[in-house]
Amino acid sequence: MAANKKQTKKTIYMILFVAYLILLFYLLFFSEKMGRTVGAEEYRYNLVLFKEIKRFYSVMGTHPKMFWLNIAGNILAFMPFGFLIPRLRDKSTNLFLAGLFSLELSFAVELLQLIFKLGCFDVDDLLLNTIGGILGYLLYLVFRREKQ
């Protein structure tokens, strides 16, 4: 009976994970609110770490929504990934692996944005998304400890 309950939980987490990925890809590639419906005329990219973070921080006083959408949004967008990935893996997940998997997914997203000219390839997004995945994993650890 315990094995059946464990499998049911894993199925629920898989459904949540797939729903999360669908929502994430919709927001990152297709959402009109995020300005994703029209491709850019040319490739846009940022390879200078902290360049965009500094730019958004500099306009935080006059455009706080832009700051929160871009900085906090990138972090929050990947927290569910870091939270769900250890629940789906049969093998143990640690902080390093959660960060690595988050970086890999973020890199795939950034590369697709570059290829399809939706958004721009940004190393700051890689950093912020990875931080989000790590924070999600830490949240997973907190919930796991509280349950025990």
Protein backbone atom coordinates (compact mmCIF):
# COMPACT_ATOMS: atom_id res chain seq x y z
CA MET A 1 0.00 0.00 0.00
CA ALA A 2 2.87 2.43 0.79
CA ALA A 3 4.37 1.86 -2.66
CA ASN A 4 1.04 2.76 -4.27
CA LYS A 5 0.85 5.99 -2.24
CA LYS A 6 4.43 6.85 -3.23
CA GLN A 7 3.65 6.27 -6.91
CA THR A 8 0.52 8.43 -6.67
CA LYS A 9 2.56 11.27 -5.15
CA LYS A 10 5.17 10.93 -7.88
CA THR A 11 2.45 11.06 -10.55
CA ILE A 12 1.01 14.21 -8.99
CA TYR A 13 4.46 15.81 -8.93
CA MET A 14 4.98 14.84 -12.58
CA ILE A 15 1.68 16.45 -13.57
CA LEU A 16 2.64 19.60 -11.64
CA PHE A 17 6.08 19.59 -13.31
CA VAL A 18 4.64 19.27 -16.82
CA ALA A 19 2.08 22.02 -16.09
CA TYR A 20 4.89 24.20 -14.75
CA LEU A 21 7.02 23.66 -17.87
CA ILE A 22 4.07 24.45 -20.15
CA LEU A 23 3.36 27.68 -18.23
CA LEU A 24 7.06 28.62 -18.16
CA PHE A 25 7.50 28.11 -21.90
CA TYR A 26 4.26 29.95 -22.63
CA LEU A 27 5.39 32.97 -20.59
CA LEU A 28 8.89 32.94 -22.03
CA PHE A 29 7.99 32.41 -25.68
CA PHE A 30 4.36 33.26 -26.41
CA SER A 31 2.88 35.62 -23.81
CA GLU A 32 1.80 38.95 -25.26
CA LYS A 33 2.17 40.51 -21.79
CA MET A 34 5.86 39.66 -21.94
CA GLY A 35 6.22 41.09 -25.44
CA ARG A 36 6.90 37.70 -27.00
CA THR A 37 4.59 37.63 -30.01
CA VAL A 38 6.86 39.39 -32.48
CA GLY A 39 10.38 38.24 -33.22
CA ALA A 40 13.22 40.74 -33.19
CA GLU A 41 14.67 41.93 -36.47
CA GLU A 42 18.16 40.97 -35.34
CA TYR A 43 19.73 38.80 -32.70
CA ARG A 44 20.01 40.43 -29.33
CA TYR A 45 22.22 39.11 -26.61
CA ASN A 46 24.12 40.10 -23.50
CA LEU A 47 27.34 38.31 -22.64
CA VAL A 48 28.46 40.76 -19.93
CA LEU A 49 27.61 39.46 -16.46
CA PHE A 50 25.60 41.93 -14.33
CA LYS A 51 25.10 44.37 -17.24
CA GLU A 52 21.31 43.98 -17.40
CA ILE A 53 20.99 43.56 -13.63
CA LYS A 54 22.72 46.92 -13.16
CA ARG A 55 20.54 48.49 -15.85
CA PHE A 56 17.32 47.30 -14.24
CA TYR A 57 18.57 48.32 -10.79
CA SER A 58 19.35 51.81 -12.08
CA VAL A 59 15.72 52.32 -13.18
CA MET A 60 14.16 50.72 -10.09
CA GLY A 61 13.21 54.13 -8.65
CA THR A 62 11.36 55.26 -11.78
CA HIS A 63 10.25 51.89 -13.16
CA PRO A 64 9.93 49.45 -10.22
CA LYS A 65 7.62 47.14 -12.18
CA MET A 66 10.32 46.67 -14.83
CA PHE A 67 12.86 45.82 -12.11
CA TRP A 68 10.63 43.31 -10.34
CA LEU A 69 9.43 41.68 -13.54
CA ASN A 70 12.93 41.14 -14.86
CA ILE A 71 15.02 40.50 -11.76
CA ALA A 72 12.62 38.90 -9.30
CA GLY A 73 10.61 37.34 -12.14
CA ASN A 74 13.63 35.42 -13.43
CA ILE A 75 14.33 34.09 -9.95
CA LEU A 76 10.71 33.21 -9.15
CA ALA A 77 10.19 31.55 -12.54
CA PHE A 78 12.75 28.85 -11.74
CA MET A 79 11.93 28.22 -8.08
CA PRO A 80 9.26 25.60 -8.90
CA PHE A 81 11.84 23.75 -11.02
CA GLY A 82 14.28 23.56 -8.09
CA PHE A 83 11.47 22.49 -5.78
CA LEU A 84 10.04 19.77 -8.01
CA ILE A 85 13.17 18.21 -9.52
CA PRO A 86 14.26 16.35 -6.34
CA ARG A 87 10.73 14.98 -5.96
CA LEU A 88 10.84 13.50 -9.45
CA ARG A 89 14.32 12.02 -9.47
CA ASP A 90 14.83 8.50 -8.16
CA LYS A 91 18.42 9.40 -7.35
CA SER A 92 19.40 11.83 -4.64
CA THR A 93 19.52 15.49 -5.62
CA ASN A 94 21.82 17.91 -3.83
CA LEU A 95 22.31 21.66 -4.00
CA PHE A 96 24.95 21.38 -6.73
CA LEU A 97 22.76 19.19 -8.96
CA ALA A 98 19.72 21.41 -8.44
CA GLY A 99 21.81 24.39 -9.52
CA LEU A 100 23.30 22.51 -12.46
CA PHE A 101 19.90 21.31 -13.71
CA SER A 102 18.51 24.85 -13.35
CA LEU A 103 21.45 26.25 -15.29
CA GLU A 104 20.94 23.65 -18.04
CA LEU A 105 17.23 24.41 -18.41
CA SER A 106 17.93 28.14 -18.34
CA PHE A 107 20.62 27.77 -21.00
CA ALA A 108 18.22 25.80 -23.21
CA VAL A 109 15.59 28.55 -22.81
CA GLU A 110 18.09 31.32 -23.57
CA LEU A 111 19.40 29.46 -26.60
CA LEU A 112 15.86 28.95 -27.94
CA GLN A 113 15.15 32.65 -27.41
CA LEU A 114 18.26 33.48 -29.42
CA ILE A 115 17.47 31.04 -32.22
CA PHE A 116 13.82 32.07 -32.55
CA LYS A 117 14.52 35.76 -31.87
CA LEU A 118 12.09 35.92 -28.96
CA GLY A 119 13.54 37.84 -26.07
CA CYS A 120 17.30 37.86 -25.94
CA PHE A 121 20.12 35.61 -24.82
CA ASP A 122 21.26 37.08 -21.50
CA VAL A 123 23.92 35.70 -19.15
CA ASP A 124 22.26 37.63 -16.32
CA ASP A 125 19.13 35.54 -16.90
CA LEU A 126 21.24 32.40 -16.63
CA LEU A 127 22.50 33.60 -13.25
CA LEU A 128 19.09 34.68 -11.96
CA ASN A 129 17.34 31.52 -13.17
CA THR A 130 20.00 29.34 -11.55
CA ILE A 131 19.61 31.25 -8.29
CA GLY A 132 15.86 30.64 -8.54
CA GLY A 133 16.37 26.91 -9.01
CA ILE A 134 18.72 26.78 -6.02
CA LEU A 135 16.24 28.72 -3.86
CA GLY A 136 13.49 26.33 -4.95
CA TYR A 137 15.68 23.40 -3.90
CA LEU A 138 16.35 25.04 -0.52
CA LEU A 139 12.59 25.49 -0.12
CA TYR A 140 12.19 21.78 -0.88
CA LEU A 141 14.69 21.01 1.92
CA VAL A 142 12.71 23.19 4.36
CA PHE A 143 9.44 21.41 3.53
CA ARG A 144 11.10 18.01 3.71
CA ARG A 145 12.53 18.75 7.17
CA GLU A 146 9.22 20.09 8.48
CA LYS A 147 7.46 16.93 7.33
CA GLN A 148 9.90 14.68 9.21
